[in-house]
């Protein structure tokens, strides 16, 4: 008699809470070439979901590393957070990027979010 049961599959809990804010992401290829500016749909200390803004985001391969700068709606690049992000998902209207593998990325975006929310 088989007494081992496979546990039910539950979605993995989020490591960091998702926040909605008016911001955008500048995306650059690994060689530094500017590619596109995309609106933030939601963000956390470990990743961001961006809207497609009418762009075909499938040109970015799953697993590809991109240089991104997250900037609030004022466009102040000096106060933005620059991180290397990995493409982890495409959905119908955007793309998910993650940097939760990088302590430096998590720290940089955390500081950006702290500054953003302290301005409110």
Protein backbone atom coordinates (compact mmCIF):
# COMPACT_ATOMS: atom_id res chain seq x y z
CA UNK A 1 0.00 0.00 0.00
CA UNK A 2 1.34 3.43 -1.00
CA UNK A 3 1.02 5.88 1.90
CA UNK A 4 3.05 8.72 0.37
CA UNK A 5 0.92 11.52 -1.02
CA UNK A 6 2.08 14.40 -3.11
CA UNK A 7 1.27 17.65 -1.31
CA UNK A 8 -0.97 20.10 -3.16
CA UNK A 9 0.77 22.74 -5.24
CA UNK A 10 0.49 26.22 -3.71
CA UNK A 11 1.75 29.39 -5.30
CA UNK A 12 5.05 30.49 -3.83
CA UNK A 13 4.48 33.37 -1.41
CA UNK A 14 5.94 36.68 -2.49
CA UNK A 15 9.22 37.53 -0.88
CA UNK A 16 8.53 41.27 -1.00
CA UNK A 17 5.17 43.11 -1.15
CA UNK A 18 4.10 44.58 -4.50
CA UNK A 19 3.50 48.30 -4.69
CA UNK A 20 1.85 50.42 -7.36
CA UNK A 21 3.47 53.74 -8.19
CA UNK A 22 3.76 56.21 -11.02
CA UNK A 23 7.20 55.41 -12.40
CA UNK A 24 8.93 54.13 -15.49
CA UNK A 25 11.84 51.88 -16.36
CA UNK A 26 14.59 52.66 -18.88
CA UNK A 27 15.72 49.38 -20.44
CA UNK A 28 19.17 48.93 -21.96
CA UNK A 29 20.81 45.92 -23.54
CA UNK A 30 23.93 44.46 -21.95
CA UNK A 31 26.11 46.61 -24.21
CA UNK A 32 24.46 49.77 -22.82
CA UNK A 33 22.37 50.52 -25.91
CA UNK A 34 19.10 52.23 -24.93
CA UNK A 35 16.14 50.17 -26.06
CA UNK A 36 12.86 51.35 -24.56
CA UNK A 37 11.14 53.20 -21.71
CA UNK A 38 8.28 51.27 -20.08
CA UNK A 39 5.65 52.15 -17.45
CA UNK A 40 5.75 50.39 -14.08
CA UNK A 41 2.60 48.39 -13.33
CA UNK A 42 3.84 47.24 -9.93
CA UNK A 43 7.17 46.93 -8.19
CA UNK A 44 8.79 45.35 -5.16
CA UNK A 45 12.27 45.33 -3.70
CA UNK A 46 12.98 42.22 -5.79
CA UNK A 47 11.35 42.87 -9.16
CA UNK A 48 9.04 44.87 -11.38
CA UNK A 49 6.15 44.24 -13.73
CA UNK A 50 6.23 46.71 -16.63
CA UNK A 51 3.58 47.48 -19.22
CA UNK A 52 4.39 47.02 -22.90
CA UNK A 53 3.58 50.64 -23.95
CA UNK A 54 2.77 49.28 -27.41
CA UNK A 55 6.20 47.65 -27.76
CA UNK A 56 6.84 44.00 -28.65
CA UNK A 57 8.60 42.84 -25.50
CA UNK A 58 9.15 39.32 -26.83
CA UNK A 59 12.39 40.69 -28.30
CA UNK A 60 13.69 40.24 -24.75
CA UNK A 61 14.31 36.54 -24.14
CA UNK A 62 13.40 34.76 -20.93
CA UNK A 63 16.51 34.69 -18.78
CA UNK A 64 18.12 37.63 -20.60
CA UNK A 65 19.85 40.17 -18.34
CA UNK A 66 19.03 43.81 -18.99
CA UNK A 67 20.38 47.00 -17.45
CA UNK A 68 17.39 48.92 -16.10
CA UNK A 69 16.97 52.23 -14.34
CA UNK A 70 13.79 52.76 -12.34
CA UNK A 71 12.75 56.41 -12.23
CA UNK A 72 9.78 58.12 -10.60
CA UNK A 73 7.36 60.17 -12.69
CA UNK A 74 9.45 63.34 -12.24
CA UNK A 75 12.11 61.74 -14.45
CA UNK A 76 14.99 62.49 -12.07
CA UNK A 77 17.56 59.94 -13.29
CA UNK A 78 20.00 60.89 -10.53
CA UNK A 79 17.53 59.64 -7.92
CA UNK A 80 16.64 56.50 -9.85
CA UNK A 81 17.73 52.95 -9.08
CA UNK A 82 20.01 51.24 -11.60
CA UNK A 83 20.05 47.43 -11.47
CA UNK A 84 20.75 44.42 -13.65
CA UNK A 85 17.45 42.62 -14.08
CA UNK A 86 16.61 39.20 -15.47
CA UNK A 87 13.54 38.67 -17.71
CA UNK A 88 11.42 36.12 -15.85
CA UNK A 89 8.03 36.30 -17.56
CA UNK A 90 6.06 37.77 -20.45
CA UNK A 91 2.34 38.28 -20.07
CA UNK A 92 -0.35 39.66 -22.34
CA UNK A 93 0.46 43.27 -21.61
CA UNK A 94 3.96 43.40 -20.23
CA UNK A 95 7.05 41.74 -18.84
CA UNK A 96 8.31 40.78 -15.39
CA UNK A 97 11.90 41.54 -14.43
CA UNK A 98 13.68 40.27 -11.33
CA UNK A 99 16.82 41.22 -9.41
CA UNK A 100 16.03 39.35 -6.18
CA UNK A 101 19.17 37.26 -6.78
CA UNK A 102 21.24 40.41 -6.17
CA UNK A 103 21.61 41.89 -2.70
CA UNK A 104 22.85 45.10 -4.31
CA UNK A 105 19.78 45.30 -6.55
CA UNK A 106 17.38 44.69 -3.67
CA UNK A 107 19.16 47.36 -1.61
CA UNK A 108 19.19 49.93 -4.46
CA UNK A 109 15.50 49.49 -5.26
CA UNK A 110 14.61 49.43 -1.56
CA UNK A 111 16.33 52.81 -1.14
CA UNK A 112 14.48 54.14 -4.22
CA UNK A 113 11.13 52.99 -2.82
CA UNK A 114 11.94 54.48 0.58
CA UNK A 115 12.72 57.85 -1.11
CA UNK A 116 9.59 57.66 -3.23
CA UNK A 117 7.29 56.94 -0.32
CA UNK A 118 8.98 59.52 1.93
CA UNK A 119 8.03 62.23 -0.66
CA UNK A 120 4.32 61.51 -0.22
